[in-house]
Amino acid sequence: MYKIVNGNITEMTAAETAAMEAASVVAPATQIEALKNQLFETDYKVIKSYEYQLVGKPATYDIAQLHAERQAIRDQITQLESQL
């Protein structure tokens, strides 16, 4: 592998190449964790909306939009998990 240093292309050392390869393996796992945290942070909206529905009150959030956003996150997680 090669890198650019001060505008010059130079060959990477074995350690630099190994570090880059290790980072590319860790990156999807780190991204998955961040996406799962995003889901966790919006769980309360789902719970609150369901509670309101159970007592016959209108939802406080746009459920279709909330679902679409959360599903997009789940889809990203699935895609990243396939890379592991």
C-alpha atoms as a PDB file:
ATOM      1  CA  MET A   1       0.000   0.000   0.000  1.00  0.00           C
ATOM      2  CA  TYR A   2       1.025   3.563  -0.566  1.00  0.00           C
ATOM      3  CA  LYS A   3       0.506   6.857   1.232  1.00  0.00           C
ATOM      4  CA  ILE A   4       0.985  10.505   0.375  1.00  0.00           C
ATOM      5  CA  VAL A   5       3.373  12.460   2.583  1.00  0.00           C
ATOM      6  CA  ASN A   6       4.057  16.125   1.795  1.00  0.00           C
ATOM      7  CA  GLY A   7       2.765  15.575  -1.731  1.00  0.00           C
ATOM      8  CA  ASN A   8       5.018  12.561  -2.346  1.00  0.00           C
ATOM      9  CA  ILE A   9       3.807   8.981  -2.774  1.00  0.00           C
ATOM     10  CA  THR A  10       5.658   6.575  -0.513  1.00  0.00           C
ATOM     11  CA  GLU A  11       5.188   2.938   0.352  1.00  0.00           C
ATOM     12  CA  MET A  12       3.601   2.195   3.708  1.00  0.00           C
ATOM     13  CA  THR A  13       5.465   0.138   6.250  1.00  0.00           C
ATOM     14  CA  ALA A  14       4.132  -3.287   7.210  1.00  0.00           C
ATOM     15  CA  ALA A  15       3.006  -1.856  10.551  1.00  0.00           C
ATOM     16  CA  GLU A  16       1.114   0.984   8.850  1.00  0.00           C
ATOM     17  CA  THR A  17      -0.562  -1.447   6.465  1.00  0.00           C
ATOM     18  CA  ALA A  18      -1.545  -3.740   9.349  1.00  0.00           C
ATOM     19  CA  ALA A  19      -2.930  -0.800  11.313  1.00  0.00           C
ATOM     20  CA  MET A  20      -5.052   0.295   8.354  1.00  0.00           C
ATOM     21  CA  GLU A  21      -6.392  -3.219   7.847  1.00  0.00           C
ATOM     22  CA  ALA A  22      -7.188  -3.532  11.547  1.00  0.00           C
ATOM     23  CA  ALA A  23      -8.971  -0.171  11.502  1.00  0.00           C
ATOM     24  CA  SER A  24     -11.125  -1.249   8.575  1.00  0.00           C
ATOM     25  CA  VAL A  25     -12.246  -4.317  10.542  1.00  0.00           C
ATOM     26  CA  VAL A  26     -12.982  -2.311  13.683  1.00  0.00           C
ATOM     27  CA  ALA A  27     -14.779   0.484  11.869  1.00  0.00           C
ATOM     28  CA  PRO A  28     -17.941  -1.500  11.003  1.00  0.00           C
ATOM     29  CA  ALA A  29     -18.213  -2.775  14.576  1.00  0.00           C
ATOM     30  CA  THR A  30     -17.854   0.764  15.879  1.00  0.00           C
ATOM     31  CA  GLN A  31     -20.452   2.021  13.419  1.00  0.00           C
ATOM     32  CA  ILE A  32     -22.847  -0.761  14.439  1.00  0.00           C
ATOM     33  CA  GLU A  33     -22.499   0.214  18.082  1.00  0.00           C
ATOM     34  CA  ALA A  34     -23.195   3.872  17.273  1.00  0.00           C
ATOM     35  CA  LEU A  35     -26.268   2.950  15.225  1.00  0.00           C
ATOM     36  CA  LYS A  36     -27.590   0.721  18.005  1.00  0.00           C
ATOM     37  CA  ASN A  37     -27.183   3.656  20.378  1.00  0.00           C
ATOM     38  CA  GLN A  38     -29.251   5.798  18.011  1.00  0.00           C
ATOM     39  CA  LEU A  39     -32.034   3.209  18.181  1.00  0.00           C
ATOM     40  CA  PHE A  40     -31.767   3.098  21.960  1.00  0.00           C
ATOM     41  CA  GLU A  41     -32.002   6.893  22.155  1.00  0.00           C
ATOM     42  CA  THR A  42     -35.344   6.856  20.293  1.00  0.00           C
ATOM     43  CA  ASP A  43     -36.888   3.874  22.096  1.00  0.00           C
ATOM     44  CA  TYR A  44     -38.727   6.228  24.438  1.00  0.00           C
ATOM     45  CA  LYS A  45     -40.609   7.728  21.479  1.00  0.00           C
ATOM     46  CA  VAL A  46     -41.933   4.313  20.484  1.00  0.00           C
ATOM     47  CA  ILE A  47     -42.912   3.493  24.057  1.00  0.00           C
ATOM     48  CA  LYS A  48     -44.619   6.852  24.581  1.00  0.00           C
ATOM     49  CA  SER A  49     -46.525   6.576  21.306  1.00  0.00           C
ATOM     50  CA  TYR A  50     -47.691   3.067  22.141  1.00  0.00           C
ATOM     51  CA  GLU A  51     -48.775   4.156  25.618  1.00  0.00           C
ATOM     52  CA  TYR A  52     -50.786   7.024  24.137  1.00  0.00           C
ATOM     53  CA  GLN A  53     -52.405   4.642  21.660  1.00  0.00           C
ATOM     54  CA  LEU A  54     -53.384   2.268  24.484  1.00  0.00           C
ATOM     55  CA  VAL A  55     -55.260   5.022  26.342  1.00  0.00           C
ATOM     56  CA  GLY A  56     -56.843   6.420  23.181  1.00  0.00           C
ATOM     57  CA  LYS A  57     -54.788   9.601  22.883  1.00  0.00           C
ATOM     58  CA  PRO A  58     -53.261  10.835  19.623  1.00  0.00           C
ATOM     59  CA  ALA A  59     -49.591  10.032  19.112  1.00  0.00           C
ATOM     60  CA  THR A  60     -47.137  12.766  19.999  1.00  0.00           C
ATOM     61  CA  TYR A  61     -44.752  11.745  17.187  1.00  0.00           C
ATOM     62  CA  ASP A  62     -45.213  11.009  13.504  1.00  0.00           C
ATOM     63  CA  ILE A  63     -45.131   7.236  13.794  1.00  0.00           C
ATOM     64  CA  ALA A  64     -44.615   6.616  10.073  1.00  0.00           C
ATOM     65  CA  GLN A  65     -41.604   8.933  10.016  1.00  0.00           C
ATOM     66  CA  LEU A  66     -40.225   7.502  13.263  1.00  0.00           C
ATOM     67  CA  HIS A  67     -40.579   3.971  11.920  1.00  0.00           C
ATOM     68  CA  ALA A  68     -38.916   4.899   8.614  1.00  0.00           C
ATOM     69  CA  GLU A  69     -35.964   6.482  10.420  1.00  0.00           C
ATOM     70  CA  ARG A  70     -35.534   3.535  12.767  1.00  0.00           C
ATOM     71  CA  GLN A  71     -35.864   1.027   9.913  1.00  0.00           C
ATOM     72  CA  ALA A  72     -33.185   2.867   7.949  1.00  0.00           C
ATOM     73  CA  ILE A  73     -30.882   2.513  10.958  1.00  0.00           C
ATOM     74  CA  ARG A  74     -31.703  -1.208  11.222  1.00  0.00           C
ATOM     75  CA  ASP A  75     -30.948  -1.623   7.515  1.00  0.00           C
ATOM     76  CA  GLN A  76     -27.558   0.052   7.983  1.00  0.00           C
ATOM     77  CA  ILE A  77     -26.789  -2.275  10.900  1.00  0.00           C
ATOM     78  CA  THR A  78     -27.697  -5.313   8.795  1.00  0.00           C
ATOM     79  CA  GLN A  79     -25.472  -4.117   5.957  1.00  0.00           C
ATOM     80  CA  LEU A  80     -22.531  -3.495   8.293  1.00  0.00           C
ATOM     81  CA  GLU A  81     -22.996  -6.843  10.038  1.00  0.00           C
ATOM     82  CA  SER A  82     -22.696  -8.591   6.671  1.00  0.00           C
ATOM     83  CA  GLN A  83     -19.217  -7.052   6.341  1.00  0.00           C
ATOM     84  CA  LEU A  84     -17.934  -8.610   9.545  1.00  0.00           C
END
